[in-house]
Amino acid sequence: MGNQDYTIKQILQMGGCTGCRFCVDVCPAVTASGQGELSALFRMKGLKDLLKGRTGLLRKILGKKELSGQELKTFSETVFRCTLCGNCQEVCPAGIQLKALWTSIRQDLVHSGSYPAKIDMIRDNLEESHNVFGEDNEERTEWVEDVEDAPDHGYVKEKAEIVYFTGCVASYFPLGQKIPIALAEILDRSDVDFTLLGQEEWCCGFPLIGAGLKEFLQQFIDHNLAAVRAKGARKVVFACPSCFQMWREHYPPEFSIAHASQLLEELVRAKRVPLKELDITVTYHDPCDLGRGARVFEEPRDLIRSIPGVKLVELPRNRENCQCCGGGGNLEMIDAKLSSEVAKRKIEEVLGTGAKAVVTSCQQCVRTMTTYVKRNKIPLEVLDITQLVRKALKKK
């Protein structure tokens, strides 16, 4: 084992941690579980012990021993039970880039052989099927069958101005499929020239980063870029914030990219989307990757306010301080119970606003919150922003 999974900058930044505990106070996993060992503070201490135990000089000076297999396993359980929401990084007074550090630790633990068994499943699914669920990749566009008046080409054109990159969750989960169905219908009505990649769309690679499998990422980047080039597109649009963030952070800036909320806000402002009045009070949940990650806060709100009759009330914690829904960081695969406990606190906060619906801009947020609402028979509607616009779309 070595420390090659960390950059020099990351190793230097570790020394900046003051132990202020701000990260503990905002951590959704700590709040939901009551377990302080899930906090960034505990994780930082464990990381320092891990690195010191490997470094020959420090081992001699400090008498540190390399962590045992059981110690690594215990540390791994805390590292992977994290939503990677980035709220700890948002409040860190030392400015430590914690989110990237957490994914580096995951990569280290994978290389060290101390990681949850589900990580192997993620890797195998992506290697064999090019999607995180191990489904037949030829079925990525089956949801088009449920689009009202879908064209014969099923939105898979040879050439188009815009590529709509659907993402794994929205392609395969029935609950998530409502989002691409809604977006396709809106874009169709707005005369937007767009295409899907169909089976040529591979996973964006986000699950690889979250699983500590970054070394497998480049083949997915290269394939997806080639698939977009083949369409002659100038722009790529995402309804999934994680796909959007992956392209922002890890793909070369070859194409213009936008989240669906940004594109729809532009279309509505240009009066290309015919909207009717909706009498509903909603609140908006900022997805972690779209909000704290990409700093897209205003366009979704402007889009909601542009729908006649819709009243928007804010959550107590919103924008960069918005509380995670519990669906990120592969947590649902690793610890479904903890994911549900995080969702519970999110829904309690939503209900406190008096809103009849919570709107978000992420298929995973929709899935996580809807699952909790349905299981507990809570009278609350959970909508992606594309679904809200679709509800307001005037009939032809």
Protein backbone atom coordinates (compact mmCIF):
# COMPACT_ATOMS: atom_id res chain seq x y z
CA MET A 1 0.00 0.00 0.00
CA GLY A 2 1.11 3.59 -0.66
CA ASN A 3 -0.14 7.16 -0.57
CA GLN A 4 -0.26 7.60 -4.35
CA ASP A 5 -4.06 8.09 -4.34
CA TYR A 6 -3.64 11.60 -2.89
CA THR A 7 -2.29 14.73 -4.51
CA ILE A 8 0.42 16.80 -2.82
CA LYS A 9 -2.19 19.55 -2.41
CA GLN A 10 -4.53 17.17 -0.57
CA ILE A 11 -1.80 15.99 1.78
CA LEU A 12 -0.85 19.61 2.55
CA GLN A 13 -4.50 20.62 3.06
CA MET A 14 -4.97 17.94 5.72
CA GLY A 15 -2.73 19.93 8.03
CA GLY A 16 -5.16 22.84 7.78
CA CYS A 17 -7.93 21.06 9.69
CA THR A 18 -8.48 22.92 12.97
CA GLY A 19 -10.98 20.49 14.47
CA CYS A 20 -13.63 23.23 14.60
CA ARG A 21 -16.52 20.72 14.24
CA PHE A 22 -18.50 22.86 11.77
CA CYS A 23 -18.49 19.86 9.44
CA VAL A 24 -20.01 17.65 12.14
CA ASP A 25 -22.94 20.00 12.66
CA VAL A 26 -23.99 19.98 8.99
CA CYS A 27 -23.36 16.30 8.16
CA PRO A 28 -26.65 14.58 7.19
CA ALA A 29 -25.24 11.12 7.98
CA VAL A 30 -24.23 12.15 11.50
CA THR A 31 -27.58 13.86 12.16
CA ALA A 32 -29.57 10.87 10.89
CA SER A 33 -27.51 8.17 12.61
CA GLY A 34 -26.29 9.93 15.74
CA GLN A 35 -22.87 8.41 15.01
CA GLY A 36 -20.01 10.87 15.27
CA GLU A 37 -17.63 8.47 13.54
CA LEU A 38 -19.42 9.22 10.25
CA SER A 39 -18.30 12.84 10.43
CA ALA A 40 -15.64 14.57 8.38
CA LEU A 41 -13.72 15.26 11.60
CA PHE A 42 -13.47 11.57 12.47
CA ARG A 43 -12.66 10.68 8.86
CA MET A 44 -9.85 13.24 8.75
CA LYS A 45 -8.29 11.79 11.92
CA GLY A 46 -8.55 8.28 10.50
CA LEU A 47 -6.92 9.39 7.27
CA LYS A 48 -4.00 10.98 9.09
CA ASP A 49 -3.46 7.78 11.10
CA LEU A 50 -3.62 5.77 7.89
CA LEU A 51 -1.01 7.89 6.12
CA LYS A 52 1.31 8.21 9.12
CA GLY A 53 1.29 4.46 9.60
CA ARG A 54 2.56 3.98 6.06
CA THR A 55 5.34 6.57 6.06
CA GLY A 56 8.65 5.11 7.19
CA LEU A 57 10.12 8.24 8.82
CA LEU A 58 6.91 9.12 10.65
CA ARG A 59 6.54 5.53 11.81
CA LYS A 60 10.01 5.72 13.38
CA ILE A 61 9.53 9.15 14.95
CA LEU A 62 5.95 8.72 16.17
CA GLY A 63 5.97 4.99 16.75
CA LYS A 64 2.99 4.62 14.45
CA LYS A 65 2.02 1.20 13.17
CA GLU A 66 0.33 0.49 9.87
CA LEU A 67 -3.41 -0.01 10.36
CA SER A 68 -4.46 -3.62 10.78
CA GLY A 69 -6.98 -5.28 8.46
CA GLN A 70 -9.74 -4.83 11.05
CA GLU A 71 -8.87 -1.16 11.58
CA LEU A 72 -8.97 -0.58 7.82
CA LYS A 73 -12.35 -2.33 7.63
CA THR A 74 -13.76 -0.16 10.43
CA PHE A 75 -12.43 2.99 8.78
CA SER A 76 -13.83 1.88 5.42
CA GLU A 77 -17.32 1.50 6.87
CA THR A 78 -17.32 5.17 7.89
CA VAL A 79 -15.83 6.39 4.59
CA PHE A 80 -18.41 4.73 2.35
CA ARG A 81 -21.40 5.70 4.53
CA CYS A 82 -21.35 9.25 3.21
CA THR A 83 -23.58 10.94 0.63
CA LEU A 84 -20.70 13.05 -0.77
CA CYS A 85 -23.09 16.00 -0.44
CA GLY A 86 -20.24 18.46 0.05
CA ASN A 87 -21.86 20.38 2.90
CA CYS A 88 -18.78 19.80 5.06
CA GLN A 89 -16.66 21.48 2.38
CA GLU A 90 -19.14 24.36 2.15
CA VAL A 91 -18.70 25.28 5.83
CA CYS A 92 -15.00 24.43 6.25
CA PRO A 93 -13.29 27.66 7.43
CA ALA A 94 -9.91 26.31 6.29
CA GLY A 95 -11.17 25.90 2.73
CA ILE A 96 -10.17 22.22 2.51
CA GLN A 97 -11.55 20.55 -0.62
CA LEU A 98 -13.13 17.74 1.36
CA LYS A 99 -15.36 16.19 -1.28
CA ALA A 100 -12.43 15.33 -3.55
CA LEU A 101 -10.53 14.09 -0.51
CA TRP A 102 -13.34 11.66 0.38
CA THR A 103 -13.30 10.15 -3.11
CA SER A 104 -9.50 9.83 -2.92
CA ILE A 105 -9.85 7.92 0.35
CA ARG A 106 -12.36 5.59 -1.33
CA GLN A 107 -9.90 4.96 -4.13
CA ASP A 108 -7.16 4.26 -1.58
CA LEU A 109 -9.36 1.78 0.29
CA VAL A 110 -10.28 -0.02 -2.94
CA HIS A 111 -6.57 -0.36 -3.73
CA SER A 112 -6.04 -1.57 -0.15
CA GLY A 113 -8.76 -4.22 -0.48
CA SER A 114 -10.94 -2.72 2.28
CA TYR A 115 -14.25 -1.74 0.71
CA PRO A 116 -17.92 -2.82 0.61
CA ALA A 117 -18.76 -5.80 -1.64
CA LYS A 118 -21.21 -3.62 -3.60
CA ILE A 119 -18.23 -1.82 -5.14
CA ASP A 120 -17.36 -4.96 -7.09
CA MET A 121 -20.93 -5.07 -8.39
CA ILE A 122 -20.71 -1.45 -9.58
CA ARG A 123 -17.43 -2.13 -11.38
CA ASP A 124 -18.67 -5.36 -12.99
CA ASN A 125 -21.94 -3.78 -14.15
CA LEU A 126 -20.17 -0.85 -15.75
CA GLU A 127 -17.52 -3.00 -17.40
CA GLU A 128 -20.03 -5.47 -18.83
CA SER A 129 -23.13 -3.35 -19.56
CA HIS A 130 -21.86 0.26 -19.50
CA ASN A 131 -24.58 1.22 -17.01
CA VAL A 132 -24.47 1.01 -13.23
CA PHE A 133 -27.41 -1.40 -12.95
CA GLY A 134 -26.15 -4.12 -15.28
CA GLU A 135 -29.16 -3.73 -17.58
CA ASP A 136 -29.09 -4.26 -21.35
CA ASN A 137 -27.68 -1.01 -22.69
CA GLU A 138 -29.79 -1.39 -25.84
CA GLU A 139 -32.82 -0.68 -23.62
CA ARG A 140 -31.70 2.82 -22.58
CA THR A 141 -34.47 4.46 -24.61
CA GLU A 142 -37.37 2.13 -23.83
CA TRP A 143 -38.99 4.98 -21.88
CA VAL A 144 -39.68 6.71 -25.24
CA GLU A 145 -42.55 4.25 -25.74
CA ASP A 146 -44.45 6.17 -23.04
CA VAL A 147 -43.93 9.60 -24.60
CA GLU A 148 -47.12 11.11 -25.97
CA ASP A 149 -46.99 11.25 -29.81
CA ALA A 150 -43.35 10.15 -29.93
CA PRO A 151 -41.88 10.34 -33.46
CA ASP A 152 -40.98 7.19 -35.39
CA HIS A 153 -37.26 7.78 -34.86
CA GLY A 154 -37.79 7.67 -31.08
CA TYR A 155 -35.66 10.81 -30.70
CA VAL A 156 -32.56 8.91 -31.84
CA LYS A 157 -31.55 10.96 -34.87
CA GLU A 158 -28.46 10.79 -37.03
CA LYS A 159 -27.75 14.50 -36.48
CA ALA A 160 -29.08 17.19 -34.14
CA GLU A 161 -28.06 20.48 -32.52
CA ILE A 162 -28.47 19.19 -28.97
CA VAL A 163 -27.81 15.82 -27.34
CA TYR A 164 -29.98 14.97 -24.34
CA PHE A 165 -27.77 12.77 -22.14
CA THR A 166 -30.32 10.81 -20.11
CA GLY A 167 -28.23 9.04 -17.44
CA CYS A 168 -28.54 5.57 -15.94
CA VAL A 169 -31.20 6.13 -13.24
CA ALA A 170 -33.62 7.99 -15.54
CA SER A 171 -33.09 5.43 -18.30
CA TYR A 172 -33.96 2.33 -16.27
CA PHE A 173 -35.99 3.13 -13.14
CA PRO A 174 -39.74 3.52 -13.83
CA LEU A 175 -39.92 6.36 -11.30
CA GLY A 176 -36.95 8.10 -12.89
CA GLN A 177 -38.24 7.56 -16.43
CA LYS A 178 -40.97 10.13 -15.85
CA ILE A 179 -38.28 12.81 -16.08
CA PRO A 180 -36.97 12.11 -19.61
CA ILE A 181 -40.57 11.53 -20.75
CA ALA A 182 -41.52 15.01 -19.47
CA LEU A 183 -38.40 16.68 -20.86
CA ALA A 184 -38.77 15.09 -24.30
CA GLU A 185 -42.38 16.26 -24.55
CA ILE A 186 -41.43 19.82 -23.52
CA LEU A 187 -38.51 20.01 -25.95
CA ASP A 188 -40.73 18.60 -28.71
CA ARG A 189 -43.40 21.26 -28.09
CA SER A 190 -40.69 23.95 -28.02
CA ASP A 191 -39.32 22.88 -31.43
CA VAL A 192 -35.89 22.05 -30.04
CA ASP A 193 -33.71 19.99 -32.37
CA PHE A 194 -32.42 17.30 -30.00
CA THR A 195 -31.41 13.67 -30.11
CA LEU A 196 -30.70 10.85 -27.69
CA LEU A 197 -27.57 8.74 -27.95
CA GLY A 198 -29.53 5.51 -27.48
CA GLN A 199 -27.34 2.49 -26.79
CA GLU A 200 -24.29 4.62 -27.60
CA GLU A 201 -24.80 6.47 -24.31
CA TRP A 202 -22.62 4.97 -21.61
CA CYS A 203 -22.65 5.86 -17.91
CA CYS A 204 -21.14 9.31 -17.35
CA GLY A 205 -18.70 7.76 -14.86
CA PHE A 206 -19.98 9.35 -11.65
CA PRO A 207 -20.55 5.97 -9.92
CA LEU A 208 -16.90 5.13 -10.62
CA ILE A 209 -15.70 8.27 -8.82
CA GLY A 210 -18.02 7.58 -5.89
CA ALA A 211 -16.91 3.96 -5.70
CA GLY A 212 -13.19 4.74 -5.70
CA LEU A 213 -12.74 3.32 -9.21
CA LYS A 214 -11.48 6.42 -10.98
CA GLU A 215 -8.87 4.52 -13.02
CA PHE A 216 -11.71 3.02 -15.11
CA LEU A 217 -13.16 6.44 -15.98
CA GLN A 218 -11.29 7.47 -19.12
CA GLN A 219 -12.83 4.84 -21.42
CA PHE A 220 -16.31 6.15 -20.55
CA ILE A 221 -15.28 9.76 -21.19
CA ASP A 222 -13.70 8.88 -24.55
CA HIS A 223 -16.73 6.85 -25.68
CA ASN A 224 -19.33 9.46 -24.73
CA LEU A 225 -17.39 12.29 -26.38
CA ALA A 226 -17.12 10.26 -29.59
CA ALA A 227 -20.85 9.49 -29.50
CA VAL A 228 -21.74 13.20 -29.21
CA ARG A 229 -19.29 14.13 -31.96
CA ALA A 230 -20.95 11.59 -34.26
CA LYS A 231 -24.26 13.46 -33.85
CA GLY A 232 -22.73 16.76 -34.95
CA ALA A 233 -24.15 18.38 -31.81
CA ARG A 234 -22.97 21.68 -30.37
CA LYS A 235 -24.54 21.25 -26.94
CA VAL A 236 -25.20 18.50 -24.37
CA VAL A 237 -28.09 18.79 -21.90
CA PHE A 238 -28.55 16.82 -18.69
CA ALA A 239 -31.52 16.45 -16.34
CA CYS A 240 -29.20 14.53 -13.97
CA PRO A 241 -27.01 16.86 -11.85
CA SER A 242 -24.38 14.16 -11.33
CA CYS A 243 -23.97 13.63 -15.09
CA PHE A 244 -23.82 17.42 -15.48
CA GLN A 245 -21.16 17.71 -12.77
CA MET A 246 -19.10 14.89 -14.26
CA TRP A 247 -19.00 16.66 -17.62
CA ARG A 248 -18.15 19.98 -15.92
CA GLU A 249 -15.31 18.56 -13.82
CA HIS A 250 -13.89 15.58 -15.70
CA TYR A 251 -14.72 15.94 -19.41
CA PRO A 252 -12.78 18.32 -21.68
CA PRO A 253 -14.73 21.51 -22.57
CA GLU A 254 -15.39 20.38 -26.13
CA PHE A 255 -19.14 21.06 -26.06
CA SER A 256 -21.43 23.60 -24.50
CA ILE A 257 -23.24 21.94 -21.61
CA ALA A 258 -26.34 22.85 -19.58
CA HIS A 259 -28.62 21.39 -16.97
CA ALA A 260 -32.23 20.93 -18.07
CA SER A 261 -33.42 23.61 -15.64
CA GLN A 262 -31.12 26.13 -17.34
CA LEU A 263 -32.30 25.21 -20.85
CA LEU A 264 -35.98 25.24 -19.86
CA GLU A 265 -35.61 28.62 -18.16
CA GLU A 266 -34.17 30.00 -21.41
CA LEU A 267 -36.98 28.48 -23.47
CA VAL A 268 -39.71 29.82 -21.19
CA ARG A 269 -38.12 33.28 -21.15
CA ALA A 270 -38.10 33.18 -24.95
CA LYS A 271 -41.81 32.25 -24.84
CA ARG A 272 -41.21 28.99 -26.66
CA VAL A 273 -42.99 26.88 -24.01
CA PRO A 274 -46.80 27.36 -23.93
CA LEU A 275 -47.79 27.31 -20.25
CA LYS A 276 -51.13 27.22 -18.47
CA GLU A 277 -51.88 28.19 -14.87
CA LEU A 278 -51.23 25.79 -11.98
CA ASP A 279 -52.72 26.47 -8.55
CA ILE A 280 -50.10 24.93 -6.26
CA THR A 281 -47.67 25.91 -3.51
CA VAL A 282 -44.27 24.26 -3.82
CA THR A 283 -40.88 24.35 -2.17
CA TYR A 284 -37.60 23.72 -3.96
CA HIS A 285 -34.89 21.27 -2.91
CA ASP A 286 -31.43 22.11 -4.28
CA PRO A 287 -29.71 18.88 -5.41
CA CYS A 288 -26.21 18.67 -3.95
CA ASP A 289 -24.39 18.33 -7.28
CA LEU A 290 -26.43 21.04 -9.00
CA GLY A 291 -26.43 23.48 -6.09
CA ARG A 292 -23.27 23.21 -4.01
CA GLY A 293 -21.48 21.48 -6.87
CA ALA A 294 -22.35 23.51 -9.98
CA ARG A 295 -23.70 26.62 -8.16
CA VAL A 296 -26.93 26.52 -10.17
CA PHE A 297 -29.38 28.14 -7.75
CA GLU A 298 -31.38 30.82 -9.54
CA GLU A 299 -32.42 29.28 -12.87
CA PRO A 300 -34.60 26.55 -11.28
CA ARG A 301 -36.28 29.13 -9.06
CA ASP A 302 -36.83 31.54 -11.95
CA LEU A 303 -38.32 28.67 -13.93
CA ILE A 304 -40.74 27.76 -11.12
CA ARG A 305 -41.80 31.40 -10.67
CA SER A 306 -42.42 31.72 -14.40
CA ILE A 307 -45.27 29.19 -14.25
CA PRO A 308 -48.57 31.08 -13.77
CA GLY A 309 -50.24 30.39 -10.43
CA VAL A 310 -47.35 28.54 -8.80
CA LYS A 311 -46.26 29.88 -5.41
CA LEU A 312 -42.70 29.12 -4.26
CA VAL A 313 -41.82 28.97 -0.56
CA GLU A 314 -38.22 28.39 0.48
CA LEU A 315 -36.92 25.68 2.79
CA PRO A 316 -35.23 26.93 5.99
CA ARG A 317 -31.98 25.51 4.59
CA ASN A 318 -31.68 26.29 0.91
CA ARG A 319 -29.20 26.97 -1.89
CA GLU A 320 -25.64 26.16 -0.70
CA ASN A 321 -26.96 25.18 2.74
CA CYS A 322 -29.62 22.79 1.46
CA GLN A 323 -29.78 19.48 3.33
CA CYS A 324 -29.05 16.34 1.28
CA CYS A 325 -31.95 13.98 0.48
CA GLY A 326 -29.86 10.89 1.32
CA GLY A 327 -29.56 9.56 -2.22
CA GLY A 328 -25.99 10.52 -3.12
CA GLY A 329 -22.55 8.95 -2.88
CA ASN A 330 -23.84 5.41 -3.58
CA LEU A 331 -25.17 5.46 0.01
CA GLU A 332 -28.44 3.77 -0.93
CA MET A 333 -26.47 0.76 -2.19
CA ILE A 334 -24.15 0.67 0.84
CA ASP A 335 -26.58 1.49 3.68
CA ALA A 336 -30.22 1.77 2.60
CA LYS A 337 -31.42 2.29 6.18
CA LEU A 338 -29.18 5.31 6.72
CA SER A 339 -30.22 6.72 3.33
CA SER A 340 -33.86 6.46 4.42
CA GLU A 341 -33.13 8.15 7.75
CA VAL A 342 -31.55 11.10 5.93
CA ALA A 343 -34.60 11.27 3.64
CA LYS A 344 -36.88 11.30 6.69
CA ARG A 345 -35.30 14.49 7.99
CA LYS A 346 -35.49 16.07 4.57
CA ILE A 347 -39.21 15.33 4.27
CA GLU A 348 -39.87 16.65 7.79
CA GLU A 349 -38.23 19.92 6.77
CA VAL A 350 -40.30 20.05 3.58
CA LEU A 351 -43.57 19.46 5.45
CA GLY A 352 -42.70 22.33 7.78
CA THR A 353 -43.00 24.79 4.89
CA GLY A 354 -46.68 23.97 4.30
CA ALA A 355 -45.98 23.26 0.62
CA LYS A 356 -48.13 20.68 -1.15
CA ALA A 357 -45.23 19.55 -3.35
CA VAL A 358 -41.46 19.48 -3.21
CA VAL A 359 -39.75 20.19 -6.52
CA THR A 360 -36.16 19.27 -7.26
CA SER A 361 -33.95 18.97 -10.34
CA CYS A 362 -32.54 15.48 -9.87
CA GLN A 363 -33.87 12.01 -10.58
CA GLN A 364 -32.08 10.52 -7.56
CA CYS A 365 -33.59 13.13 -5.22
CA VAL A 366 -37.01 12.35 -6.69
CA ARG A 367 -36.48 8.63 -6.22
CA THR A 368 -35.17 8.88 -2.65
CA MET A 369 -37.85 11.30 -1.41
CA THR A 370 -40.70 9.56 -3.25
CA THR A 371 -39.69 6.19 -1.82
CA TYR A 372 -39.83 7.59 1.72
CA VAL A 373 -43.11 9.44 1.12
CA LYS A 374 -44.83 6.37 -0.34
CA ARG A 375 -43.60 3.95 2.30
CA ASN A 376 -44.84 6.22 5.06
CA LYS A 377 -48.06 7.32 3.29
CA ILE A 378 -47.22 11.02 3.56
CA PRO A 379 -49.54 13.37 1.60
CA LEU A 380 -46.80 15.14 -0.33
CA GLU A 381 -46.12 15.28 -4.07
CA VAL A 382 -42.49 14.91 -5.16
CA LEU A 383 -41.68 16.30 -8.60
CA ASP A 384 -38.69 16.92 -10.78
CA ILE A 385 -38.73 20.41 -12.25
CA THR A 386 -39.30 18.91 -15.72
CA GLN A 387 -42.44 17.22 -14.42
CA LEU A 388 -43.71 20.49 -12.96
CA VAL A 389 -43.25 22.26 -16.29
CA ARG A 390 -44.88 19.31 -18.07
CA LYS A 391 -47.94 19.64 -15.79
CA ALA A 392 -48.22 23.28 -16.87
CA LEU A 393 -47.73 22.56 -20.56
CA LYS A 394 -50.78 23.58 -22.61
CA LYS A 395 -52.37 20.82 -24.66
CA LYS A 396 -51.77 20.91 -28.39
